[in-house]
Amino acid sequence: MSTSILSVYSLNQLAKQTLEAQLSGVQVAGEIRSLTRAASGHMYFTLKDDQAEVRCALFRGQAQRIRTVFANGDAVVVLGSVSLYAPRGDYQLIVQGVELAGDGRLAALFEALKKKLLTEGLFDAARKRPLPITPHRIAVISSPVGAAIHDVLSVLARRWPLAEVTLYPVAVQGEAAAGELTAAVSSIRDAMAWDVVLIVRGGGSMSDLWAFNDEALARAIAACPVPVISGVGHEVDFTICDFVADVRAATPTAAAELATPQTLAEWAQRSHLLHQRLNQILSRRLNEAGQHLDRLTGRLRAAAQRFASEHHRRVALELRLQHALRQDGQRRHQALRDLAARLARHSPVRWLRENRGRTDRTVWRLQRVSATMTVARAQRLHLLQYRLHQAGRRPWQRAHDRWQQTGDLLAALSPQRILERGYVLVEHESALLMRAARLDALMAESDRTTLLTLRFADGAKRILARPDGSEEAGES
């Protein structure tokens, strides 16, 4: 027995050095439990299997470099080094890397491939091909044994016995399955002799169905010119093959049903439904057309009413304009007569006539004074007399010019001038008829004929108007 005595701390330190030297860079598989994330960014969890468990620590710096997302219950493979916490004597695994194991790893690979192919457009609905209504040759890629192929062949024979069904036997599980599936799809693509292809397999775990998540198989299906139906697993199972195929079926039996046409009863029911839909569409179209026709008819009637209203309004405006012109002519004629009367009252001739006596007396007085004036005063007197005469003529000349202009304006606005432009005045018993309604009233009051006077620019004519619209001319 060694005589050296170790302290507890020294013992733990020695054990720590031994563990770190002997167990560095080990990989440990297990299930994550009790996962916690500290405020500092460190992560702590327990790695457990059926017989034991070990504490693990993933420090913040290393956690930021790990891209794998994991949670409680995930099966993982942890890369790390074993260390010992000397104060407590507990050993733990210092984690340096984490990878999903089992179905978790497969799920990560599945999502990565799905995202890649989705980005490339292999899942786009635009590239999906329609299924044939009545296929003559059907290719089935599946295992030659098992309940799935038996159910598929039974459904095909029952629903569409006229089709020629060819089985491409392949492995649907294991390492060689993906290659055999890809080779079968490629041979069908090269043959170009099939109307539709079925890829079918029964249910299983993700690892059992992993051959249908192969990238090469997905690209072969996308390049196949023949419509492909994928019926892999159960309704809850999804594979890359389902997303790339033209149609995904929930089960192998459903794939066979999608590939074959309906039975006679189903055809009759579908025909009846189509007939009902056609009748509904025709009825709806007829109703819509009738409503559209009603709207157009209403718009046409409204347009006709607006046109009639505008016509009546235009006629009324023309009558109002004619009446306004006549009234304006009368007002201007009266104004001209008032101006002529005022001009006559203020005429220079009248003023000279009324003041002539005064002027003559002034001249006589000037003549008497001029005899006693010198020659110079006489010349000045003559000059003043000339200026007086000119001053008396200028107001008279200006008044005469204004009178002449007023007379020209009066002549321009004279009713005679309006008649010379082609207008006619209609009179009945010396009363001017300015509205058609008045004439209609006179015609209605008269049993036989009505005497009217038409005044033109060059004279007047009397006519006899009958209620039926005929006229009889008379002498003016």
Protein backbone atom coordinates (compact mmCIF):
# COMPACT_ATOMS: atom_id res chain seq x y z
CA MET A 1 0.00 0.00 0.00
CA SER A 2 1.32 3.46 -0.93
CA THR A 3 2.42 5.60 1.97
CA SER A 4 1.39 8.89 0.21
CA ILE A 5 -1.85 10.36 1.48
CA LEU A 6 -4.00 12.49 -0.91
CA SER A 7 -6.49 15.12 0.00
CA VAL A 8 -10.00 14.94 -1.44
CA TYR A 9 -9.33 17.87 -3.70
CA SER A 10 -6.05 16.32 -4.93
CA LEU A 11 -7.83 13.07 -5.61
CA ASN A 12 -10.48 14.82 -7.67
CA GLN A 13 -7.83 16.78 -9.55
CA LEU A 14 -5.93 13.59 -10.36
CA ALA A 15 -9.12 11.89 -11.51
CA LYS A 16 -9.96 14.91 -13.66
CA GLN A 17 -6.56 14.82 -15.36
CA THR A 18 -6.84 11.08 -15.96
CA LEU A 19 -10.34 11.36 -17.45
CA GLU A 20 -9.49 14.28 -19.69
CA ALA A 21 -6.39 12.50 -20.96
CA GLN A 22 -8.08 9.15 -21.59
CA LEU A 23 -11.62 10.22 -22.67
CA SER A 24 -11.14 13.18 -25.02
CA GLY A 25 -13.11 13.40 -28.29
CA VAL A 26 -15.47 10.53 -27.54
CA GLN A 27 -18.86 10.07 -29.25
CA VAL A 28 -21.78 9.04 -27.09
CA ALA A 29 -25.28 8.14 -28.31
CA GLY A 30 -28.34 8.64 -26.17
CA GLU A 31 -31.60 10.51 -25.59
CA ILE A 32 -31.71 14.09 -24.35
CA ARG A 33 -33.50 14.69 -21.06
CA SER A 34 -33.83 17.65 -18.63
CA LEU A 35 -32.64 20.18 -21.18
CA THR A 36 -32.21 23.68 -19.68
CA ARG A 37 -30.90 26.94 -21.11
CA ALA A 38 -29.26 29.29 -18.61
CA ALA A 39 -29.41 33.07 -18.83
CA SER A 40 -25.66 33.06 -19.55
CA GLY A 41 -26.24 31.13 -22.78
CA HIS A 42 -24.90 27.79 -21.49
CA MET A 43 -27.01 24.63 -22.00
CA TYR A 44 -27.23 21.72 -19.60
CA PHE A 45 -28.91 18.34 -20.19
CA THR A 46 -28.73 14.66 -19.34
CA LEU A 47 -27.83 12.04 -21.95
CA LYS A 48 -29.63 8.79 -21.14
CA ASP A 49 -30.00 5.29 -22.52
CA ASP A 50 -31.74 2.19 -21.17
CA GLN A 51 -29.09 1.46 -18.52
CA ALA A 52 -27.38 4.72 -17.49
CA GLU A 53 -27.18 8.46 -17.84
CA VAL A 54 -24.51 11.15 -17.83
CA ARG A 55 -24.65 14.90 -17.27
CA CYS A 56 -23.65 17.11 -20.20
CA ALA A 57 -22.66 20.78 -20.45
CA LEU A 58 -22.71 22.80 -23.71
CA PHE A 59 -21.11 26.19 -23.16
CA ARG A 60 -22.29 29.34 -24.92
CA GLY A 61 -19.42 29.76 -27.38
CA GLN A 62 -19.69 26.18 -28.60
CA ALA A 63 -23.51 26.31 -28.64
CA GLN A 64 -23.46 29.24 -31.04
CA ARG A 65 -21.42 27.20 -33.54
CA ILE A 66 -23.69 24.14 -33.46
CA ARG A 67 -26.48 24.36 -36.10
CA THR A 68 -28.38 21.23 -35.06
CA VAL A 69 -31.68 21.98 -33.34
CA PHE A 70 -32.55 19.46 -30.63
CA ALA A 71 -35.03 19.15 -27.78
CA ASN A 72 -36.03 16.83 -24.99
CA GLY A 73 -36.65 13.32 -26.25
CA ASP A 74 -34.40 13.60 -29.34
CA ALA A 75 -31.99 10.77 -30.04
CA VAL A 76 -28.55 12.31 -30.63
CA VAL A 77 -24.86 11.50 -30.99
CA VAL A 78 -22.78 13.83 -28.83
CA LEU A 79 -19.10 14.59 -29.45
CA GLY A 80 -17.18 15.78 -26.39
CA SER A 81 -14.61 15.23 -23.66
CA VAL A 82 -15.14 13.79 -20.19
CA SER A 83 -14.22 16.12 -17.33
CA LEU A 84 -14.68 16.19 -13.56
CA TYR A 85 -15.92 19.02 -11.38
CA ALA A 86 -13.44 18.85 -8.55
CA PRO A 87 -15.44 20.68 -5.81
CA ARG A 88 -18.21 18.07 -5.92
CA GLY A 89 -16.46 15.11 -7.44
CA ASP A 90 -19.08 14.89 -10.25
CA TYR A 91 -17.94 14.05 -13.71
CA GLN A 92 -19.70 15.37 -16.85
CA LEU A 93 -19.38 15.39 -20.61
CA ILE A 94 -18.24 18.74 -22.06
CA VAL A 95 -20.12 18.83 -25.39
CA GLN A 96 -18.34 19.99 -28.55
CA GLY A 97 -20.88 18.84 -31.17
CA VAL A 98 -24.38 17.40 -31.48
CA GLU A 99 -25.97 15.45 -34.34
CA LEU A 100 -29.42 13.92 -34.52
CA ALA A 101 -29.50 10.13 -34.55
CA GLY A 102 -32.08 7.65 -35.78
CA ASP A 103 -35.39 9.17 -37.02
CA GLY A 104 -34.36 12.61 -35.84
CA ARG A 105 -31.35 12.58 -38.14
CA LEU A 106 -33.43 11.24 -40.97
CA ALA A 107 -36.03 13.97 -40.41
CA ALA A 108 -33.33 16.64 -40.67
CA LEU A 109 -32.00 15.12 -43.91
CA PHE A 110 -35.58 14.90 -45.21
CA GLU A 111 -36.28 18.59 -44.55
CA ALA A 112 -32.97 19.64 -46.12
CA LEU A 113 -33.65 17.69 -49.33
CA LYS A 114 -37.26 18.86 -49.42
CA LYS A 115 -36.17 22.50 -49.14
CA LYS A 116 -33.54 22.01 -51.87
CA LEU A 117 -35.93 20.42 -54.37
CA LEU A 118 -38.66 22.96 -53.55
CA THR A 119 -36.24 25.78 -54.36
CA GLU A 120 -35.43 24.13 -57.71
CA GLY A 121 -39.16 23.99 -58.56
CA LEU A 122 -39.56 20.20 -58.66
CA PHE A 123 -42.71 20.49 -56.51
CA ASP A 124 -44.41 23.20 -58.61
CA ALA A 125 -48.01 22.47 -59.54
CA ALA A 126 -47.42 23.91 -63.03
CA ARG A 127 -45.20 20.98 -63.99
CA LYS A 128 -47.67 18.32 -62.78
CA ARG A 129 -49.09 16.19 -65.60
CA PRO A 130 -52.80 15.22 -65.75
CA LEU A 131 -53.76 11.58 -65.41
CA PRO A 132 -55.25 9.78 -68.44
CA ILE A 133 -59.00 9.16 -68.29
CA THR A 134 -58.81 5.63 -69.75
CA PRO A 135 -55.25 4.21 -69.44
CA HIS A 136 -54.42 1.24 -71.67
CA ARG A 137 -51.01 0.34 -70.21
CA ILE A 138 -50.23 0.71 -66.51
CA ALA A 139 -46.78 0.21 -64.98
CA VAL A 140 -46.53 -0.69 -61.28
CA ILE A 141 -43.22 -0.30 -59.43
CA SER A 142 -43.33 -2.23 -56.16
CA SER A 143 -42.20 -5.30 -54.30
CA PRO A 144 -43.62 -8.48 -55.91
CA VAL A 145 -44.61 -9.80 -52.48
CA GLY A 146 -46.73 -8.27 -49.75
CA ALA A 147 -50.28 -7.10 -49.19
CA ALA A 148 -49.74 -3.77 -50.98
CA ILE A 149 -49.13 -5.22 -54.45
CA HIS A 150 -51.96 -7.71 -53.98
CA ASP A 151 -54.42 -4.93 -53.15
CA VAL A 152 -53.24 -2.80 -56.09
CA LEU A 153 -53.57 -5.59 -58.66
CA SER A 154 -57.02 -6.53 -57.31
CA VAL A 155 -58.33 -2.97 -57.59
CA LEU A 156 -56.92 -2.55 -61.10
CA ALA A 157 -58.49 -5.82 -62.28
CA ARG A 158 -61.86 -4.97 -60.74
CA ARG A 159 -62.14 -1.35 -61.84
CA TRP A 160 -60.46 -1.47 -65.26
CA PRO A 161 -59.84 -4.98 -66.59
CA LEU A 162 -59.18 -3.59 -70.08
CA ALA A 163 -55.81 -2.17 -69.03
CA GLU A 164 -52.54 -4.04 -69.48
CA VAL A 165 -50.72 -4.03 -66.11
CA THR A 166 -46.97 -4.63 -65.93
CA LEU A 167 -45.13 -5.07 -62.61
CA TYR A 168 -41.57 -3.81 -62.17
CA PRO A 169 -40.35 -5.85 -59.17
CA VAL A 170 -37.95 -3.87 -56.96
CA ALA A 171 -36.78 -3.82 -53.38
CA VAL A 172 -38.71 -1.22 -51.39
CA GLN A 173 -36.53 -1.31 -48.23
CA GLY A 174 -32.82 -1.56 -47.56
CA GLU A 175 -29.66 -0.14 -49.07
CA ALA A 176 -30.36 -1.37 -52.63
CA ALA A 177 -33.98 -0.14 -52.72
CA ALA A 178 -33.27 3.44 -53.81
CA GLY A 179 -31.09 2.33 -56.73
CA GLU A 180 -33.61 -0.25 -57.96
CA LEU A 181 -36.48 2.26 -57.75
CA THR A 182 -34.49 4.85 -59.72
CA ALA A 183 -33.51 2.28 -62.35
CA ALA A 184 -37.14 1.19 -62.80
CA VAL A 185 -38.36 4.78 -63.31
CA SER A 186 -35.54 5.44 -65.79
CA SER A 187 -36.37 2.32 -67.84
CA ILE A 188 -40.04 3.37 -68.02
CA ARG A 189 -38.96 6.85 -69.11
CA ASP A 190 -36.80 5.41 -71.89
CA ALA A 191 -39.48 2.95 -73.09
CA MET A 192 -42.21 5.60 -73.49
CA ALA A 193 -44.84 2.83 -73.77
CA TRP A 194 -46.94 3.48 -70.65
CA ASP A 195 -49.92 5.70 -69.94
CA VAL A 196 -49.44 5.98 -66.15
CA VAL A 197 -46.93 4.74 -63.54
CA LEU A 198 -47.73 3.66 -59.95
CA ILE A 199 -45.01 3.63 -57.26
CA VAL A 200 -46.50 1.84 -54.24
CA ARG A 201 -45.42 0.41 -50.89
CA GLY A 202 -47.11 -0.40 -47.60
CA GLY A 203 -46.64 1.52 -44.35
CA GLY A 204 -43.60 1.58 -42.07
CA SER A 205 -41.29 3.80 -40.06
CA MET A 206 -39.29 6.65 -41.55
CA SER A 207 -36.25 4.44 -41.86
CA ASP A 208 -38.34 1.76 -43.59
CA LEU A 209 -39.57 4.30 -46.15
CA TRP A 210 -36.22 6.08 -46.51
CA ALA A 211 -35.56 4.67 -50.01
CA PHE A 212 -38.43 6.85 -51.32
CA ASN A 213 -36.62 9.98 -50.05
CA ASP A 214 -33.67 9.49 -52.38
CA GLU A 215 -32.65 12.55 -54.42
CA ALA A 216 -31.79 10.52 -57.55
CA LEU A 217 -35.23 8.87 -57.45
CA ALA A 218 -36.92 12.28 -57.07
CA ARG A 219 -35.10 13.66 -60.11
CA ALA A 220 -35.91 10.55 -62.17
CA ILE A 221 -39.62 10.96 -61.36
CA ALA A 222 -39.48 14.67 -62.26
CA ALA A 223 -37.88 13.82 -65.63
CA CYS A 224 -40.33 11.02 -66.43
CA PRO A 225 -42.72 12.06 -69.25
CA VAL A 226 -45.37 9.60 -68.05
CA PRO A 227 -47.71 10.71 -65.22
CA VAL A 228 -46.59 9.19 -61.91
CA ILE A 229 -48.84 8.34 -58.93
CA SER A 230 -47.11 7.90 -55.57
CA GLY A 231 -48.86 5.61 -53.06
CA VAL A 232 -46.22 5.06 -50.38
CA GLY A 233 -47.11 4.22 -46.78
CA HIS A 234 -50.25 5.27 -45.01
CA GLU A 235 -52.13 8.56 -45.07
CA VAL A 236 -49.91 10.10 -42.38
CA ASP A 237 -46.67 9.13 -44.17
CA PHE A 238 -45.03 11.63 -46.53
CA THR A 239 -41.96 11.09 -48.69
CA ILE A 240 -40.03 13.12 -51.25
CA CYS A 241 -41.52 10.81 -53.85
CA ASP A 242 -45.02 12.07 -52.88
CA PHE A 243 -44.05 15.71 -53.45
CA VAL A 244 -42.35 15.14 -56.83
CA ALA A 245 -45.01 12.78 -58.26
CA ASP A 246 -47.84 14.19 -60.35
CA VAL A 247 -50.45 12.84 -57.91
CA ARG A 248 -50.04 11.66 -54.30
CA ALA A 249 -52.31 8.86 -53.04
CA ALA A 250 -52.86 8.23 -49.33
CA THR A 251 -52.45 4.44 -49.71
CA PRO A 252 -51.47 1.95 -52.44
CA THR A 253 -55.15 1.06 -52.89
CA ALA A 254 -56.03 4.72 -53.36
CA ALA A 255 -53.27 4.95 -55.99
CA ALA A 256 -54.88 2.13 -57.97
CA GLU A 257 -58.27 3.84 -57.74
CA LEU A 258 -56.82 7.15 -58.99
CA ALA A 259 -55.18 5.42 -61.95
CA THR A 260 -58.38 3.78 -63.21
CA PRO A 261 -61.60 5.33 -64.49
CA GLN A 262 -64.80 5.20 -62.53
CA THR A 263 -67.32 2.35 -62.67
CA LEU A 264 -70.47 2.56 -64.79
CA ALA A 265 -72.57 3.62 -61.81
CA GLU A 266 -70.04 6.29 -60.94
CA TRP A 267 -69.94 7.41 -64.58
CA ALA A 268 -73.73 7.69 -64.60
CA GLN A 269 -73.71 9.64 -61.34
CA ARG A 270 -70.96 11.91 -62.63
CA SER A 271 -72.86 12.46 -65.89
CA HIS A 272 -75.97 13.36 -63.91
CA LEU A 273 -74.00 15.81 -61.78
CA LEU A 274 -72.43 17.35 -64.87
CA HIS A 275 -75.87 17.65 -66.47
CA GLN A 276 -77.17 19.44 -63.35
CA ARG A 277 -74.16 21.76 -63.29
CA LEU A 278 -74.63 22.52 -66.99
CA ASN A 279 -78.29 23.36 -66.45
CA GLN A 280 -77.38 25.58 -63.50
CA ILE A 281 -74.71 27.36 -65.54
CA LEU A 282 -77.06 27.88 -68.50
CA SER A 283 -79.84 29.12 -66.21
CA ARG A 284 -77.46 31.51 -64.47
CA ARG A 285 -76.11 32.77 -67.80
CA LEU A 286 -79.62 33.30 -69.13
CA ASN A 287 -80.63 35.17 -65.98
CA GLU A 288 -77.53 37.32 -66.18
CA ALA A 289 -78.16 38.02 -69.87
CA GLY A 290 -81.79 38.95 -69.10
CA GLN A 291 -80.71 41.28 -66.33
CA HIS A 292 -78.12 42.84 -68.61
CA LEU A 293 -80.77 43.30 -71.31
CA ASP A 294 -83.11 44.90 -68.77
CA ARG A 295 -80.36 47.28 -67.70
CA LEU A 296 -79.63 48.22 -71.32
CA THR A 297 -83.34 48.75 -72.00
CA GLY A 298 -83.65 50.99 -68.95
CA ARG A 299 -80.61 52.97 -70.00
CA LEU A 300 -82.06 53.34 -73.52
CA ARG A 301 -85.37 54.58 -72.15
CA ALA A 302 -83.61 57.01 -69.85
CA ALA A 303 -81.58 58.29 -72.80
CA ALA A 304 -84.77 58.77 -74.86
CA GLN A 305 -86.39 60.67 -71.99
CA ARG A 306 -83.31 62.84 -71.60
CA PHE A 307 -83.34 63.54 -75.36
CA ALA A 308 -87.04 64.51 -75.29
CA SER A 309 -86.45 66.70 -72.24
CA GLU A 310 -83.50 68.40 -73.91
CA HIS A 311 -85.58 68.96 -77.07
CA HIS A 312 -88.39 70.60 -75.10
CA ARG A 313 -85.86 72.67 -73.22
CA ARG A 314 -84.23 73.80 -76.48
CA VAL A 315 -87.58 74.80 -77.97
CA ALA A 316 -88.45 76.72 -74.81
CA LEU A 317 -85.09 78.50 -74.90
CA GLU A 318 -85.62 79.46 -78.55
CA LEU A 319 -89.05 80.91 -77.74
CA ARG A 320 -87.62 82.79 -74.76
CA LEU A 321 -84.84 84.15 -76.96
CA GLN A 322 -87.29 85.36 -79.58
CA HIS A 323 -89.44 87.02 -76.91
CA ALA A 324 -86.35 88.61 -75.33
CA LEU A 325 -85.24 89.94 -78.73
CA ARG A 326 -88.64 91.46 -79.38
CA GLN A 327 -88.75 93.06 -75.93
CA ASP A 328 -85.22 94.34 -76.34
CA GLY A 329 -86.12 95.83 -79.71
CA GLN A 330 -89.13 97.54 -78.24
CA ARG A 331 -87.07 98.94 -75.35
CA ARG A 332 -84.40 100.22 -77.70
CA HIS A 333 -87.02 101.80 -79.99
CA GLN A 334 -88.58 103.56 -77.00
CA ALA A 335 -85.15 104.70 -75.83
CA LEU A 336 -84.43 106.14 -79.27
CA ARG A 337 -87.74 108.03 -79.23
CA ASP A 338 -86.90 109.42 -75.77
CA LEU A 339 -83.46 110.46 -76.99
CA ALA A 340 -84.97 112.15 -80.05
CA ALA A 341 -87.38 114.09 -77.84
CA ARG A 342 -84.58 115.19 -75.56
CA LEU A 343 -82.47 116.15 -78.56
CA ALA A 344 -85.34 118.23 -79.92
CA ARG A 345 -85.66 120.02 -76.58
CA HIS A 346 -81.98 120.82 -76.49
CA SER A 347 -81.51 121.49 -80.22
CA PRO A 348 -78.96 124.29 -81.04
CA VAL A 349 -81.31 125.60 -83.74
CA ARG A 350 -84.03 126.10 -81.16
CA TRP A 351 -81.57 127.79 -78.80
CA LEU A 352 -80.40 130.12 -81.58
CA ARG A 353 -84.00 130.90 -82.55
CA GLU A 354 -84.96 131.72 -78.97
CA ASN A 355 -81.88 133.91 -78.40
CA ARG A 356 -81.75 135.52 -81.84
CA GLY A 357 -83.40 138.74 -80.64
CA ARG A 358 -80.86 139.07 -77.91
CA THR A 359 -78.08 138.47 -80.41
CA ASP A 360 -79.46 141.04 -82.83
CA ARG A 361 -79.69 143.64 -80.09
CA THR A 362 -76.13 142.95 -79.09
CA VAL A 363 -75.00 143.33 -82.69
CA TRP A 364 -76.86 146.64 -83.07
CA ARG A 365 -75.27 147.90 -79.91
CA LEU A 366 -71.88 146.87 -81.13
CA GLN A 367 -72.45 148.56 -84.47
CA ARG A 368 -73.32 151.80 -82.69
CA VAL A 369 -70.23 151.58 -80.51
CA SER A 370 -68.01 150.56 -83.41
CA ALA A 371 -68.61 153.87 -85.13
CA THR A 372 -66.87 155.68 -82.30
CA MET A 373 -64.04 153.19 -81.98
CA THR A 374 -60.69 153.36 -83.64
CA VAL A 375 -59.73 150.98 -86.39
CA ALA A 376 -57.97 148.77 -83.90
CA ARG A 377 -61.07 148.49 -81.72
CA ALA A 378 -63.16 147.73 -84.81
CA GLN A 379 -60.80 144.89 -85.79
CA ARG A 380 -60.97 143.53 -82.25
CA LEU A 381 -64.73 143.74 -82.37
CA HIS A 382 -64.81 141.73 -85.59
CA LEU A 383 -62.50 139.14 -84.04
CA LEU A 384 -64.76 138.79 -81.01
CA GLN A 385 -67.79 138.54 -83.27
CA TYR A 386 -66.13 135.69 -85.22
CA ARG A 387 -65.23 133.84 -82.03
CA LEU A 388 -68.76 134.27 -80.76
CA HIS A 389 -70.12 132.81 -83.95
CA GLN A 390 -67.75 129.82 -83.81
CA ALA A 391 -68.56 129.21 -80.16
CA GLY A 392 -72.25 129.10 -81.03
CA ARG A 393 -71.72 126.55 -83.85
CA ARG A 394 -69.64 124.00 -81.94
CA PRO A 395 -72.28 122.91 -79.39
CA TRP A 396 -74.82 122.69 -82.15
CA GLN A 397 -72.49 120.57 -84.30
CA ARG A 398 -71.75 118.18 -81.41
CA ALA A 399 -75.44 117.83 -80.61
CA HIS A 400 -76.18 117.23 -84.29
CA ASP A 401 -73.51 114.49 -84.42
CA ARG A 402 -74.97 112.78 -81.33
CA TRP A 403 -78.41 112.95 -82.83
CA GLN A 404 -77.12 111.44 -86.06
CA GLN A 405 -75.44 108.54 -84.17
CA THR A 406 -78.57 107.91 -82.10
CA GLY A 407 -80.66 107.88 -85.26
CA ASP A 408 -78.31 105.31 -86.83
CA LEU A 409 -78.51 103.13 -83.70
CA LEU A 410 -82.29 103.43 -83.67
CA ALA A 411 -82.42 102.42 -87.32
CA ALA A 412 -80.18 99.38 -86.64
CA LEU A 413 -82.46 98.21 -83.82
CA SER A 414 -85.67 99.01 -85.65
CA PRO A 415 -88.20 96.16 -85.91
CA GLN A 416 -88.18 96.86 -89.63
CA ARG A 417 -84.56 95.79 -89.80
CA ILE A 418 -85.42 92.56 -87.87
CA LEU A 419 -88.16 91.85 -90.40
CA GLU A 420 -85.71 92.45 -93.25
CA ARG A 421 -83.56 89.62 -91.83
CA GLY A 422 -86.36 87.13 -92.52
CA TYR A 423 -88.49 87.27 -89.33
CA VAL A 424 -92.31 87.47 -89.51
CA LEU A 425 -94.74 88.95 -86.98
CA VAL A 426 -98.02 87.09 -86.49
CA GLU A 427 -100.99 89.21 -85.37
CA HIS A 428 -104.59 88.44 -84.56
CA GLU A 429 -106.98 91.38 -84.29
CA SER A 430 -103.99 93.76 -83.91
CA ALA A 431 -102.58 91.66 -81.05
CA LEU A 432 -99.12 90.18 -81.47
CA LEU A 433 -98.95 86.39 -81.05
CA MET A 434 -95.63 85.55 -79.33
CA ARG A 435 -96.24 81.89 -78.33
CA ALA A 436 -97.45 78.84 -80.19
CA ALA A 437 -99.67 77.97 -77.24
CA ARG A 438 -101.66 81.19 -77.80
CA LEU A 439 -102.18 80.30 -81.47
CA ASP A 440 -103.29 76.77 -80.50
CA ALA A 441 -105.78 78.29 -78.05
CA LEU A 442 -107.22 80.63 -80.76
CA MET A 443 -107.49 77.70 -83.17
CA ALA A 444 -109.28 75.66 -80.51
CA GLU A 445 -111.76 78.51 -79.81
CA SER A 446 -112.58 78.88 -83.51
CA ASP A 447 -114.82 76.28 -85.07
CA ARG A 448 -113.67 76.77 -88.61
CA THR A 449 -111.03 79.39 -89.50
CA THR A 450 -109.03 82.10 -87.78
CA LEU A 451 -107.95 85.36 -89.48
CA LEU A 452 -104.25 86.04 -88.97
CA THR A 453 -102.02 88.87 -90.20
CA LEU A 454 -98.42 88.09 -91.21
CA ARG A 455 -96.16 91.15 -91.31
CA PHE A 456 -93.12 90.96 -93.57
CA ALA A 457 -90.43 93.51 -94.26
CA ASP A 458 -92.12 94.62 -97.48
CA GLY A 459 -95.77 94.42 -96.40
CA ALA A 460 -98.44 92.38 -94.63
CA LYS A 461 -100.57 89.43 -95.67
CA ARG A 462 -103.80 88.16 -94.14
CA ILE A 463 -104.41 84.46 -94.03
CA LEU A 464 -107.18 82.17 -92.85
CA ALA A 465 -105.88 79.33 -90.67
CA ARG A 466 -107.96 76.16 -90.24
CA PRO A 467 -107.70 73.76 -87.28
CA ASP A 468 -106.32 70.98 -89.55
CA GLY A 469 -103.19 73.06 -90.23
CA SER A 470 -104.07 74.22 -93.80
CA GLU A 471 -103.93 77.93 -94.65
CA GLU A 472 -105.72 80.20 -97.09
CA ALA A 473 -103.95 83.40 -98.12
CA GLY A 474 -105.77 86.69 -98.44
CA GLU A 475 -104.94 90.18 -99.62
CA SER A 476 -103.13 92.59 -97.38
